[in-house]
N, C-alpha and C. Protein backbone atom coordinates (compact mmCIF):
# COMPACT_ATOMS: atom_id res chain seq x y z
N MET A 1 -46.20 -110.10 -95.37
CA MET A 1 -45.71 -110.63 -96.63
C MET A 1 -46.17 -109.71 -97.75
N THR A 2 -45.32 -109.56 -98.74
CA THR A 2 -45.63 -108.74 -99.90
C THR A 2 -45.56 -109.60 -101.15
N ALA A 3 -46.54 -109.46 -102.02
CA ALA A 3 -46.55 -110.19 -103.28
C ALA A 3 -46.69 -109.20 -104.42
N ALA A 4 -46.06 -109.54 -105.53
CA ALA A 4 -46.16 -108.69 -106.71
C ALA A 4 -46.07 -109.58 -107.95
N LYS A 5 -46.68 -109.10 -109.02
CA LYS A 5 -46.67 -109.83 -110.29
C LYS A 5 -46.72 -108.81 -111.42
N ARG A 6 -45.92 -109.04 -112.44
CA ARG A 6 -45.90 -108.10 -113.55
C ARG A 6 -45.44 -108.82 -114.82
N ASP A 7 -45.93 -108.34 -115.98
CA ASP A 7 -45.55 -108.86 -117.29
C ASP A 7 -44.62 -107.87 -117.98
N ILE A 8 -43.77 -108.41 -118.84
CA ILE A 8 -42.92 -107.59 -119.68
C ILE A 8 -42.72 -108.34 -121.00
N GLU A 9 -42.67 -107.60 -122.10
CA GLU A 9 -42.41 -108.22 -123.40
C GLU A 9 -40.97 -107.97 -123.79
N ILE A 10 -40.32 -109.03 -124.27
CA ILE A 10 -38.90 -108.98 -124.61
C ILE A 10 -38.76 -109.37 -126.07
N ASN A 11 -37.89 -108.68 -126.78
CA ASN A 11 -37.74 -108.89 -128.21
C ASN A 11 -36.75 -110.00 -128.56
N VAL A 12 -36.79 -111.09 -127.79
CA VAL A 12 -36.01 -112.29 -128.09
C VAL A 12 -36.93 -113.49 -127.84
N SER A 13 -36.51 -114.64 -128.32
CA SER A 13 -37.32 -115.85 -128.14
C SER A 13 -37.32 -116.27 -126.68
N PRO A 14 -38.33 -117.06 -126.27
CA PRO A 14 -38.35 -117.56 -124.89
C PRO A 14 -37.10 -118.37 -124.53
N GLU A 15 -36.57 -119.13 -125.47
CA GLU A 15 -35.37 -119.93 -125.21
C GLU A 15 -34.17 -119.02 -124.95
N ASN A 16 -34.05 -117.94 -125.73
CA ASN A 16 -32.93 -117.01 -125.52
C ASN A 16 -33.10 -116.24 -124.21
N PHE A 17 -34.32 -115.87 -123.87
CA PHE A 17 -34.52 -115.16 -122.61
C PHE A 17 -34.23 -116.11 -121.44
N TYR A 18 -34.66 -117.34 -121.56
CA TYR A 18 -34.38 -118.34 -120.52
C TYR A 18 -32.88 -118.48 -120.29
N SER A 19 -32.08 -118.44 -121.36
CA SER A 19 -30.63 -118.57 -121.21
C SER A 19 -30.05 -117.43 -120.38
N VAL A 20 -30.65 -116.25 -120.45
CA VAL A 20 -30.22 -115.13 -119.62
C VAL A 20 -30.63 -115.38 -118.16
N LEU A 21 -31.83 -115.89 -117.95
CA LEU A 21 -32.31 -116.15 -116.60
C LEU A 21 -31.43 -117.15 -115.85
N VAL A 22 -30.92 -118.16 -116.54
CA VAL A 22 -30.15 -119.20 -115.86
C VAL A 22 -28.65 -118.93 -115.87
N ASP A 23 -28.23 -117.80 -116.39
CA ASP A 23 -26.81 -117.42 -116.33
C ASP A 23 -26.56 -116.67 -115.01
N TYR A 24 -26.70 -117.40 -113.93
CA TYR A 24 -26.68 -116.81 -112.58
C TYR A 24 -25.38 -116.06 -112.30
N GLU A 25 -24.28 -116.62 -112.77
CA GLU A 25 -22.98 -115.99 -112.51
C GLU A 25 -22.88 -114.59 -113.12
N ALA A 26 -23.67 -114.32 -114.15
CA ALA A 26 -23.62 -113.01 -114.82
C ALA A 26 -24.48 -111.95 -114.12
N TYR A 27 -25.33 -112.34 -113.20
CA TYR A 27 -26.24 -111.39 -112.56
C TYR A 27 -25.54 -110.14 -112.03
N PRO A 28 -24.41 -110.27 -111.32
CA PRO A 28 -23.78 -109.04 -110.80
C PRO A 28 -23.34 -108.06 -111.90
N ARG A 29 -23.16 -108.55 -113.12
CA ARG A 29 -22.73 -107.67 -114.21
C ARG A 29 -23.86 -106.83 -114.79
N PHE A 30 -25.12 -107.27 -114.62
CA PHE A 30 -26.20 -106.48 -115.22
C PHE A 30 -27.36 -106.16 -114.28
N LEU A 31 -27.40 -106.78 -113.11
CA LEU A 31 -28.44 -106.45 -112.13
C LEU A 31 -27.80 -105.57 -111.05
N ARG A 32 -28.20 -104.31 -111.02
CA ARG A 32 -27.58 -103.33 -110.13
C ARG A 32 -27.64 -103.71 -108.65
N ASP A 33 -28.67 -104.43 -108.23
CA ASP A 33 -28.83 -104.74 -106.82
C ASP A 33 -28.21 -106.07 -106.40
N VAL A 34 -27.56 -106.77 -107.33
CA VAL A 34 -26.94 -108.06 -107.00
C VAL A 34 -25.43 -107.86 -106.88
N ASP A 35 -24.91 -108.17 -105.68
CA ASP A 35 -23.47 -108.04 -105.42
C ASP A 35 -22.69 -109.26 -105.89
N GLU A 36 -23.26 -110.44 -105.63
CA GLU A 36 -22.51 -111.68 -105.87
C GLU A 36 -23.48 -112.84 -105.98
N VAL A 37 -23.11 -113.86 -106.76
CA VAL A 37 -23.88 -115.09 -106.86
C VAL A 37 -22.91 -116.26 -106.77
N LYS A 38 -23.25 -117.22 -105.93
CA LYS A 38 -22.49 -118.47 -105.82
C LYS A 38 -23.41 -119.61 -106.24
N VAL A 39 -22.98 -120.38 -107.21
CA VAL A 39 -23.75 -121.54 -107.66
C VAL A 39 -23.23 -122.75 -106.89
N HIS A 40 -24.09 -123.36 -106.09
CA HIS A 40 -23.71 -124.52 -105.28
C HIS A 40 -23.87 -125.82 -106.04
N SER A 41 -24.93 -125.90 -106.85
CA SER A 41 -25.13 -127.12 -107.64
C SER A 41 -26.02 -126.82 -108.84
N ARG A 42 -25.84 -127.64 -109.86
CA ARG A 42 -26.69 -127.60 -111.06
C ARG A 42 -26.98 -129.04 -111.44
N ASP A 43 -28.23 -129.28 -111.79
CA ASP A 43 -28.64 -130.59 -112.26
C ASP A 43 -29.65 -130.35 -113.37
N GLY A 44 -29.19 -130.34 -114.59
CA GLY A 44 -30.08 -130.00 -115.71
C GLY A 44 -30.56 -128.56 -115.57
N ASP A 45 -31.87 -128.39 -115.50
CA ASP A 45 -32.46 -127.05 -115.37
C ASP A 45 -32.74 -126.67 -113.92
N ASN A 46 -32.21 -127.43 -112.98
CA ASN A 46 -32.40 -127.13 -111.56
C ASN A 46 -31.06 -126.69 -110.97
N ALA A 47 -31.12 -125.80 -109.98
CA ALA A 47 -29.90 -125.30 -109.37
C ALA A 47 -30.17 -124.84 -107.95
N VAL A 48 -29.12 -124.76 -107.17
CA VAL A 48 -29.15 -124.15 -105.85
C VAL A 48 -28.08 -123.07 -105.87
N ILE A 49 -28.49 -121.84 -105.58
CA ILE A 49 -27.55 -120.72 -105.60
C ILE A 49 -27.72 -119.88 -104.34
N THR A 50 -26.68 -119.14 -104.01
CA THR A 50 -26.78 -118.10 -103.00
C THR A 50 -26.50 -116.80 -103.70
N GLN A 51 -27.41 -115.85 -103.54
CA GLN A 51 -27.16 -114.52 -104.12
C GLN A 51 -27.20 -113.49 -103.01
N TYR A 52 -26.37 -112.49 -103.19
CA TYR A 52 -26.26 -111.40 -102.23
C TYR A 52 -26.81 -110.15 -102.91
N VAL A 53 -27.88 -109.61 -102.34
CA VAL A 53 -28.53 -108.43 -102.92
C VAL A 53 -28.44 -107.25 -101.97
N LYS A 54 -28.36 -106.07 -102.58
CA LYS A 54 -28.31 -104.83 -101.79
C LYS A 54 -29.72 -104.40 -101.46
N VAL A 55 -30.04 -104.37 -100.19
CA VAL A 55 -31.33 -103.84 -99.75
C VAL A 55 -30.98 -102.64 -98.88
N ILE A 56 -30.92 -102.83 -97.59
CA ILE A 56 -30.38 -101.81 -96.70
C ILE A 56 -28.88 -102.07 -96.58
N LYS A 57 -28.54 -103.35 -96.56
CA LYS A 57 -27.16 -103.82 -96.63
C LYS A 57 -27.19 -105.05 -97.52
N SER A 58 -26.05 -105.66 -97.74
CA SER A 58 -26.02 -106.85 -98.58
C SER A 58 -26.62 -108.02 -97.82
N ILE A 59 -27.66 -108.61 -98.41
CA ILE A 59 -28.40 -109.71 -97.80
C ILE A 59 -28.18 -110.96 -98.64
N GLY A 60 -27.75 -112.04 -97.97
CA GLY A 60 -27.57 -113.30 -98.67
C GLY A 60 -28.79 -114.18 -98.53
N MET A 61 -29.10 -114.89 -99.60
CA MET A 61 -30.20 -115.85 -99.56
C MET A 61 -29.87 -117.01 -100.49
N THR A 62 -30.13 -118.21 -99.99
CA THR A 62 -29.94 -119.41 -100.80
C THR A 62 -31.30 -119.84 -101.30
N ILE A 63 -31.37 -120.03 -102.61
CA ILE A 63 -32.65 -120.41 -103.23
C ILE A 63 -32.45 -121.66 -104.08
N ARG A 64 -33.52 -122.43 -104.18
CA ARG A 64 -33.55 -123.61 -105.05
C ARG A 64 -34.39 -123.24 -106.26
N LEU A 65 -33.80 -123.43 -107.44
CA LEU A 65 -34.47 -123.07 -108.69
C LEU A 65 -34.81 -124.31 -109.50
N GLU A 66 -35.98 -124.30 -110.10
CA GLU A 66 -36.42 -125.37 -110.99
C GLU A 66 -36.92 -124.73 -112.27
N GLY A 67 -36.39 -125.20 -113.39
CA GLY A 67 -36.77 -124.59 -114.66
C GLY A 67 -37.13 -125.57 -115.74
N GLU A 68 -37.64 -124.99 -116.80
CA GLU A 68 -37.94 -125.73 -118.03
C GLU A 68 -37.62 -124.77 -119.17
N VAL A 69 -36.66 -125.15 -120.01
CA VAL A 69 -36.15 -124.27 -121.06
C VAL A 69 -37.28 -123.64 -121.86
N GLY A 70 -37.24 -122.31 -121.94
CA GLY A 70 -38.21 -121.57 -122.73
C GLY A 70 -39.60 -121.50 -122.14
N LYS A 71 -39.82 -122.07 -120.96
CA LYS A 71 -41.16 -122.12 -120.38
C LYS A 71 -41.25 -121.43 -119.01
N LYS A 72 -40.33 -121.79 -118.09
CA LYS A 72 -40.46 -121.25 -116.73
C LYS A 72 -39.17 -121.43 -115.96
N LEU A 73 -39.04 -120.60 -114.92
CA LEU A 73 -37.98 -120.73 -113.93
C LEU A 73 -38.58 -120.26 -112.61
N HIS A 74 -38.73 -121.19 -111.66
CA HIS A 74 -39.33 -120.87 -110.36
C HIS A 74 -38.34 -121.17 -109.25
N TRP A 75 -38.48 -120.46 -108.13
CA TRP A 75 -37.58 -120.69 -107.00
C TRP A 75 -38.33 -120.67 -105.68
N THR A 76 -37.66 -121.29 -104.69
CA THR A 76 -38.12 -121.24 -103.31
C THR A 76 -36.92 -120.93 -102.43
N LEU A 77 -37.16 -120.19 -101.39
CA LEU A 77 -36.11 -119.84 -100.43
C LEU A 77 -35.71 -121.07 -99.65
N GLN A 78 -34.40 -121.30 -99.55
CA GLN A 78 -33.88 -122.41 -98.75
C GLN A 78 -33.32 -121.91 -97.42
N ASP A 79 -32.62 -120.76 -97.47
CA ASP A 79 -31.98 -120.28 -96.25
C ASP A 79 -31.64 -118.79 -96.38
N SER A 80 -31.88 -118.05 -95.31
CA SER A 80 -31.51 -116.64 -95.28
C SER A 80 -31.63 -116.12 -93.85
N LYS A 81 -30.69 -115.32 -93.45
CA LYS A 81 -30.76 -114.69 -92.13
C LYS A 81 -31.82 -113.60 -92.11
N TRP A 82 -32.06 -112.94 -93.24
CA TRP A 82 -32.92 -111.76 -93.30
C TRP A 82 -34.25 -111.99 -93.98
N MET A 83 -34.41 -113.10 -94.66
CA MET A 83 -35.65 -113.37 -95.39
C MET A 83 -36.38 -114.53 -94.73
N VAL A 84 -37.69 -114.38 -94.56
CA VAL A 84 -38.54 -115.47 -94.09
C VAL A 84 -39.09 -116.21 -95.30
N LYS A 85 -39.38 -115.45 -96.35
CA LYS A 85 -39.94 -116.04 -97.57
C LYS A 85 -39.42 -115.25 -98.77
N ASN A 86 -39.07 -115.96 -99.81
CA ASN A 86 -38.76 -115.39 -101.12
C ASN A 86 -39.01 -116.50 -102.12
N ASP A 87 -40.25 -116.61 -102.55
CA ASP A 87 -40.67 -117.63 -103.50
C ASP A 87 -41.26 -116.93 -104.71
N GLY A 88 -40.94 -117.44 -105.87
CA GLY A 88 -41.49 -116.80 -107.06
C GLY A 88 -40.99 -117.45 -108.33
N GLY A 89 -41.08 -116.70 -109.41
CA GLY A 89 -40.59 -117.25 -110.66
C GLY A 89 -40.98 -116.45 -111.88
N TRP A 90 -40.49 -116.96 -112.98
CA TRP A 90 -40.77 -116.43 -114.31
C TRP A 90 -41.58 -117.47 -115.07
N ASP A 91 -42.63 -117.04 -115.74
CA ASP A 91 -43.36 -117.88 -116.69
C ASP A 91 -43.20 -117.22 -118.05
N LEU A 92 -42.76 -117.99 -119.03
CA LEU A 92 -42.46 -117.46 -120.35
C LEU A 92 -43.46 -117.98 -121.38
N GLU A 93 -43.88 -117.07 -122.23
CA GLU A 93 -44.85 -117.41 -123.28
C GLU A 93 -44.36 -116.85 -124.60
N ALA A 94 -44.35 -117.71 -125.63
CA ALA A 94 -43.97 -117.25 -126.96
C ALA A 94 -45.14 -116.47 -127.55
N LEU A 95 -44.87 -115.25 -127.98
CA LEU A 95 -45.89 -114.44 -128.66
C LEU A 95 -45.95 -114.86 -130.12
N PRO A 96 -47.03 -114.56 -130.84
CA PRO A 96 -47.16 -114.98 -132.23
C PRO A 96 -46.00 -114.53 -133.12
N ASP A 97 -45.39 -113.40 -132.80
CA ASP A 97 -44.27 -112.91 -133.62
C ASP A 97 -42.92 -113.45 -133.18
N GLY A 98 -42.90 -114.39 -132.20
CA GLY A 98 -41.65 -115.01 -131.76
C GLY A 98 -41.02 -114.35 -130.54
N ARG A 99 -41.52 -113.18 -130.16
CA ARG A 99 -41.00 -112.52 -128.97
C ARG A 99 -41.50 -113.24 -127.73
N THR A 100 -41.09 -112.76 -126.57
CA THR A 100 -41.45 -113.40 -125.30
C THR A 100 -42.29 -112.49 -124.43
N LYS A 101 -43.36 -113.06 -123.89
CA LYS A 101 -44.09 -112.40 -122.81
C LYS A 101 -43.62 -113.11 -121.54
N ALA A 102 -42.95 -112.35 -120.67
CA ALA A 102 -42.43 -112.92 -119.43
C ALA A 102 -43.27 -112.38 -118.27
N THR A 103 -43.79 -113.28 -117.46
CA THR A 103 -44.54 -112.91 -116.27
C THR A 103 -43.69 -113.26 -115.06
N TYR A 104 -43.39 -112.23 -114.26
CA TYR A 104 -42.56 -112.39 -113.07
C TYR A 104 -43.43 -112.20 -111.85
N GLY A 105 -43.36 -113.14 -110.94
CA GLY A 105 -44.12 -113.02 -109.70
C GLY A 105 -43.25 -113.41 -108.52
N VAL A 106 -43.48 -112.76 -107.39
CA VAL A 106 -42.69 -113.05 -106.21
C VAL A 106 -43.50 -112.78 -104.95
N GLU A 107 -43.25 -113.58 -103.92
CA GLU A 107 -43.79 -113.36 -102.58
C GLU A 107 -42.59 -113.23 -101.65
N VAL A 108 -42.53 -112.11 -100.93
CA VAL A 108 -41.37 -111.81 -100.09
C VAL A 108 -41.83 -111.47 -98.68
N GLU A 109 -41.09 -111.98 -97.72
CA GLU A 109 -41.28 -111.56 -96.33
C GLU A 109 -39.89 -111.40 -95.72
N VAL A 110 -39.61 -110.21 -95.22
CA VAL A 110 -38.32 -109.89 -94.64
C VAL A 110 -38.40 -110.09 -93.13
N HIS A 111 -37.35 -110.71 -92.59
CA HIS A 111 -37.24 -110.87 -91.13
C HIS A 111 -36.56 -109.63 -90.57
N ILE A 112 -37.25 -108.93 -89.70
CA ILE A 112 -36.68 -107.75 -89.06
C ILE A 112 -36.54 -108.07 -87.57
N PRO A 113 -35.29 -108.16 -87.09
CA PRO A 113 -35.10 -108.45 -85.67
C PRO A 113 -35.84 -107.45 -84.78
N ARG A 114 -36.31 -107.94 -83.66
CA ARG A 114 -37.14 -107.13 -82.76
C ARG A 114 -36.47 -105.80 -82.38
N LEU A 115 -35.19 -105.83 -82.17
CA LEU A 115 -34.47 -104.61 -81.79
C LEU A 115 -34.48 -103.55 -82.87
N LEU A 116 -34.64 -103.96 -84.12
CA LEU A 116 -34.61 -103.00 -85.24
C LEU A 116 -35.99 -102.56 -85.70
N ARG A 117 -37.05 -103.17 -85.23
CA ARG A 117 -38.40 -102.90 -85.74
C ARG A 117 -38.80 -101.43 -85.65
N LYS A 118 -38.39 -100.75 -84.60
CA LYS A 118 -38.75 -99.33 -84.46
C LYS A 118 -37.99 -98.45 -85.45
N LEU A 119 -36.84 -98.94 -85.93
CA LEU A 119 -36.02 -98.16 -86.84
C LEU A 119 -36.36 -98.40 -88.31
N VAL A 120 -37.03 -99.50 -88.59
CA VAL A 120 -37.32 -99.89 -89.97
C VAL A 120 -38.78 -99.57 -90.28
N PRO A 121 -39.05 -98.86 -91.37
CA PRO A 121 -40.44 -98.53 -91.72
C PRO A 121 -41.28 -99.79 -91.90
N SER A 122 -42.52 -99.73 -91.46
CA SER A 122 -43.41 -100.89 -91.53
C SER A 122 -43.72 -101.30 -92.97
N ASP A 123 -43.64 -100.37 -93.89
CA ASP A 123 -43.93 -100.69 -95.28
C ASP A 123 -42.66 -100.97 -96.09
N LEU A 124 -41.57 -101.36 -95.41
CA LEU A 124 -40.30 -101.61 -96.08
C LEU A 124 -40.43 -102.62 -97.21
N GLN A 125 -41.09 -103.77 -96.94
CA GLN A 125 -41.22 -104.80 -97.96
C GLN A 125 -41.90 -104.28 -99.20
N GLN A 126 -43.01 -103.55 -99.02
CA GLN A 126 -43.75 -103.03 -100.16
C GLN A 126 -42.90 -102.03 -100.95
N ARG A 127 -42.21 -101.15 -100.24
CA ARG A 127 -41.38 -100.16 -100.92
C ARG A 127 -40.24 -100.81 -101.69
N LEU A 128 -39.65 -101.86 -101.10
CA LEU A 128 -38.57 -102.56 -101.79
C LEU A 128 -39.07 -103.20 -103.08
N VAL A 129 -40.22 -103.86 -103.00
CA VAL A 129 -40.77 -104.51 -104.18
C VAL A 129 -41.15 -103.47 -105.24
N GLU A 130 -41.82 -102.39 -104.83
CA GLU A 130 -42.24 -101.37 -105.79
C GLU A 130 -41.07 -100.64 -106.42
N LYS A 131 -40.00 -100.43 -105.69
CA LYS A 131 -38.85 -99.69 -106.20
C LYS A 131 -37.97 -100.55 -107.09
N THR A 132 -37.65 -101.75 -106.63
CA THR A 132 -36.68 -102.56 -107.34
C THR A 132 -37.30 -103.41 -108.45
N PHE A 133 -38.57 -103.73 -108.33
CA PHE A 133 -39.24 -104.63 -109.25
C PHE A 133 -39.19 -104.17 -110.71
N PRO A 134 -39.69 -102.97 -111.04
CA PRO A 134 -39.66 -102.54 -112.45
C PRO A 134 -38.24 -102.40 -112.99
N ALA A 135 -37.32 -101.91 -112.19
CA ALA A 135 -35.94 -101.74 -112.64
C ALA A 135 -35.32 -103.10 -112.96
N MET A 136 -35.55 -104.10 -112.12
CA MET A 136 -34.98 -105.41 -112.33
C MET A 136 -35.52 -106.06 -113.61
N LEU A 137 -36.82 -105.92 -113.85
CA LEU A 137 -37.40 -106.47 -115.09
C LEU A 137 -36.73 -105.86 -116.31
N ASN A 138 -36.56 -104.55 -116.29
CA ASN A 138 -35.93 -103.87 -117.42
C ASN A 138 -34.46 -104.25 -117.57
N GLN A 139 -33.78 -104.53 -116.48
CA GLN A 139 -32.38 -104.95 -116.57
C GLN A 139 -32.27 -106.32 -117.23
N PHE A 140 -33.18 -107.24 -116.91
CA PHE A 140 -33.19 -108.54 -117.59
C PHE A 140 -33.51 -108.35 -119.08
N LYS A 141 -34.50 -107.53 -119.39
CA LYS A 141 -34.88 -107.26 -120.78
C LYS A 141 -33.70 -106.69 -121.56
N ASP A 142 -33.05 -105.68 -120.99
CA ASP A 142 -31.91 -105.04 -121.66
C ASP A 142 -30.78 -106.04 -121.90
N ARG A 143 -30.51 -106.87 -120.91
CA ARG A 143 -29.45 -107.88 -121.05
C ARG A 143 -29.77 -108.85 -122.19
N ALA A 144 -31.00 -109.37 -122.20
CA ALA A 144 -31.38 -110.33 -123.24
C ALA A 144 -31.30 -109.71 -124.62
N GLU A 145 -31.79 -108.49 -124.76
CA GLU A 145 -31.82 -107.84 -126.07
C GLU A 145 -30.42 -107.38 -126.51
N SER A 146 -29.49 -107.25 -125.57
CA SER A 146 -28.14 -106.82 -125.95
C SER A 146 -27.27 -108.01 -126.37
N ILE A 147 -27.59 -109.21 -125.95
CA ILE A 147 -26.72 -110.35 -126.31
C ILE A 147 -27.35 -111.33 -127.29
N HIS A 148 -28.66 -111.19 -127.55
CA HIS A 148 -29.34 -112.07 -128.50
C HIS A 148 -29.94 -111.23 -129.62
N PRO A 149 -29.96 -111.78 -130.83
CA PRO A 149 -30.58 -111.04 -131.94
C PRO A 149 -32.07 -110.84 -131.70
N PRO A 150 -32.56 -109.65 -131.99
CA PRO A 150 -33.99 -109.40 -131.80
C PRO A 150 -34.83 -110.23 -132.77
N VAL A 151 -36.02 -110.59 -132.31
CA VAL A 151 -36.93 -111.40 -133.12
C VAL A 151 -37.60 -110.54 -134.18
N VAL A 152 -37.92 -109.29 -133.84
CA VAL A 152 -38.69 -108.43 -134.75
C VAL A 152 -37.85 -107.87 -135.86
């Protein structure tokens, strides 16, 4: 299992950043590694979605999300052929100047079928997290700052 955690500051309010986080249908338009998102249900700030992400190939995973406007959005893996674990979330904090400090954390474990283990590098999970993690944070930041007025 691989875990990672990182902070990023965004020049919009926590409420505006949260609105970007829960616009699941828009993910394929601004997240380079997301092919498609299907929203199965929404109930207030909770949702169940399936997203297809490009790793080695397009991998589908169904996750259950629970949120609180301007405060947090956390998820747990419900179903995936290729993932054993994908649990994590965003914690949002209003900075004194009105901007957002967003803390993103995730725990991931990829299921690699026995027949493929010799072909797949043992550090695949770590490399995936290290490569895609910073880029994804910046893509969320860029999206929020491009559609919402900056706080500063």
